[in-house]
Amino acid sequence: MPDTVKFLLVLACLGGAVYGGVWALANFPPEQTEIVKPLSSERLRAK
């Protein structure tokens, strides 16, 4: 197999992997969760 064909095949595989990753991130977004952090009284006091 000529070097050019191998190079194009590798580029096509990498491009397909990137495209698949972008598609998966666009179609399956992560669930949003609420984050609750307790604050100490020292942080609430005005200085």
N, C-alpha and C. Protein backbone atom coordinates (compact mmCIF):
# COMPACT_ATOMS: atom_id res chain seq x y z
N MET A 1 0.86 -1.17 0.00
CA MET A 1 0.00 0.00 0.00
C MET A 1 0.91 1.24 0.00
N PRO A 2 0.67 2.15 -0.91
CA PRO A 2 1.52 3.35 -0.97
C PRO A 2 1.39 4.20 0.29
N ASP A 3 2.45 4.97 0.56
CA ASP A 3 2.47 5.80 1.76
C ASP A 3 1.34 6.81 1.80
N THR A 4 0.97 7.36 0.65
CA THR A 4 -0.09 8.37 0.61
C THR A 4 -1.43 7.77 1.04
N VAL A 5 -1.70 6.55 0.62
CA VAL A 5 -2.95 5.90 0.98
C VAL A 5 -2.98 5.61 2.48
N LYS A 6 -1.85 5.16 3.04
CA LYS A 6 -1.78 4.92 4.48
C LYS A 6 -2.02 6.22 5.25
N PHE A 7 -1.39 7.29 4.79
CA PHE A 7 -1.54 8.58 5.44
C PHE A 7 -3.00 9.04 5.40
N LEU A 8 -3.63 8.92 4.26
CA LEU A 8 -5.03 9.32 4.14
C LEU A 8 -5.93 8.43 4.99
N LEU A 9 -5.62 7.16 5.10
CA LEU A 9 -6.40 6.24 5.91
C LEU A 9 -6.29 6.61 7.40
N VAL A 10 -5.09 6.95 7.85
CA VAL A 10 -4.90 7.37 9.24
C VAL A 10 -5.65 8.67 9.50
N LEU A 11 -5.56 9.63 8.57
CA LEU A 11 -6.29 10.89 8.73
C LEU A 11 -7.79 10.66 8.77
N ALA A 12 -8.29 9.76 7.95
CA ALA A 12 -9.72 9.47 7.94
C ALA A 12 -10.16 8.83 9.26
N CYS A 13 -9.34 7.95 9.81
CA CYS A 13 -9.68 7.33 11.10
C CYS A 13 -9.67 8.35 12.23
N LEU A 14 -8.67 9.21 12.25
CA LEU A 14 -8.61 10.25 13.28
C LEU A 14 -9.78 11.23 13.13
N GLY A 15 -10.07 11.62 11.92
CA GLY A 15 -11.20 12.53 11.69
C GLY A 15 -12.52 11.90 12.10
N GLY A 16 -12.68 10.61 11.82
CA GLY A 16 -13.90 9.91 12.22
C GLY A 16 -14.03 9.82 13.73
N ALA A 17 -12.90 9.61 14.42
CA ALA A 17 -12.93 9.54 15.88
C ALA A 17 -13.29 10.90 16.48
N VAL A 18 -12.72 11.96 15.93
CA VAL A 18 -13.03 13.31 16.43
C VAL A 18 -14.49 13.65 16.15
N TYR A 19 -14.95 13.35 14.95
CA TYR A 19 -16.33 13.62 14.60
C TYR A 19 -17.29 12.84 15.51
N GLY A 20 -16.98 11.58 15.78
CA GLY A 20 -17.82 10.77 16.65
C GLY A 20 -17.84 11.31 18.07
N GLY A 21 -16.70 11.79 18.55
CA GLY A 21 -16.65 12.37 19.89
C GLY A 21 -17.46 13.64 20.00
N VAL A 22 -17.35 14.49 19.00
CA VAL A 22 -18.13 15.74 19.00
C VAL A 22 -19.62 15.43 18.91
N TRP A 23 -19.98 14.47 18.09
CA TRP A 23 -21.39 14.09 17.95
C TRP A 23 -21.93 13.55 19.27
N ALA A 24 -21.15 12.71 19.95
CA ALA A 24 -21.60 12.14 21.22
C ALA A 24 -21.77 13.23 22.27
N LEU A 25 -20.84 14.18 22.33
CA LEU A 25 -20.97 15.27 23.31
C LEU A 25 -22.16 16.16 23.00
N ALA A 26 -22.49 16.33 21.73
CA ALA A 26 -23.61 17.19 21.36
C ALA A 26 -24.95 16.51 21.62
N ASN A 27 -25.00 15.20 21.48
CA ASN A 27 -26.27 14.49 21.61
C ASN A 27 -26.53 13.90 22.99
N PHE A 28 -25.52 13.79 23.81
CA PHE A 28 -25.67 13.23 25.15
C PHE A 28 -25.04 14.17 26.16
N PRO A 29 -25.67 15.33 26.41
CA PRO A 29 -25.08 16.27 27.37
C PRO A 29 -25.16 15.72 28.79
N PRO A 30 -24.25 16.13 29.66
CA PRO A 30 -24.28 15.62 31.04
C PRO A 30 -25.48 16.18 31.80
N GLU A 31 -25.93 15.43 32.80
CA GLU A 31 -27.05 15.90 33.62
C GLU A 31 -26.60 17.06 34.50
N GLN A 32 -27.47 18.04 34.67
CA GLN A 32 -27.15 19.16 35.53
C GLN A 32 -27.56 18.83 36.95
N THR A 33 -26.66 19.07 37.87
CA THR A 33 -26.95 18.81 39.28
C THR A 33 -26.71 20.09 40.07
N GLU A 34 -27.39 20.19 41.18
CA GLU A 34 -27.25 21.36 42.03
C GLU A 34 -26.14 21.10 43.04
N ILE A 35 -25.25 22.06 43.20
CA ILE A 35 -24.13 21.93 44.14
C ILE A 35 -24.41 22.84 45.33
N VAL A 36 -24.39 22.25 46.51
CA VAL A 36 -24.64 23.01 47.74
C VAL A 36 -23.40 22.89 48.61
N LYS A 37 -22.82 24.04 48.97
CA LYS A 37 -21.65 24.06 49.85
C LYS A 37 -21.99 24.86 51.10
N PRO A 38 -21.76 24.29 52.26
CA PRO A 38 -22.00 25.06 53.49
C PRO A 38 -20.93 26.14 53.66
N LEU A 39 -21.34 27.31 54.13
CA LEU A 39 -20.42 28.41 54.36
C LEU A 39 -20.18 28.55 55.86
N SER A 40 -18.93 28.79 56.22
CA SER A 40 -18.64 29.01 57.63
C SER A 40 -19.05 30.42 58.02
N SER A 41 -19.26 30.62 59.31
CA SER A 41 -19.69 31.95 59.78
C SER A 41 -18.62 33.00 59.54
N GLU A 42 -17.37 32.60 59.48
CA GLU A 42 -16.28 33.54 59.25
C GLU A 42 -16.36 34.15 57.84
N ARG A 43 -16.77 33.36 56.90
CA ARG A 43 -16.87 33.86 55.53
C ARG A 43 -18.08 34.77 55.35
N LEU A 44 -19.09 34.59 56.16
CA LEU A 44 -20.29 35.42 56.03
C LEU A 44 -20.11 36.79 56.67
N ARG A 45 -19.21 36.90 57.64
CA ARG A 45 -18.98 38.17 58.31
C ARG A 45 -18.31 39.16 57.37
N ALA A 46 -18.77 40.40 57.40
CA ALA A 46 -18.15 41.45 56.59
C ALA A 46 -16.90 41.97 57.33
N LYS A 47 -15.87 42.22 56.56
CA LYS A 47 -14.61 42.69 57.17
C LYS A 47 -14.45 44.17 57.01
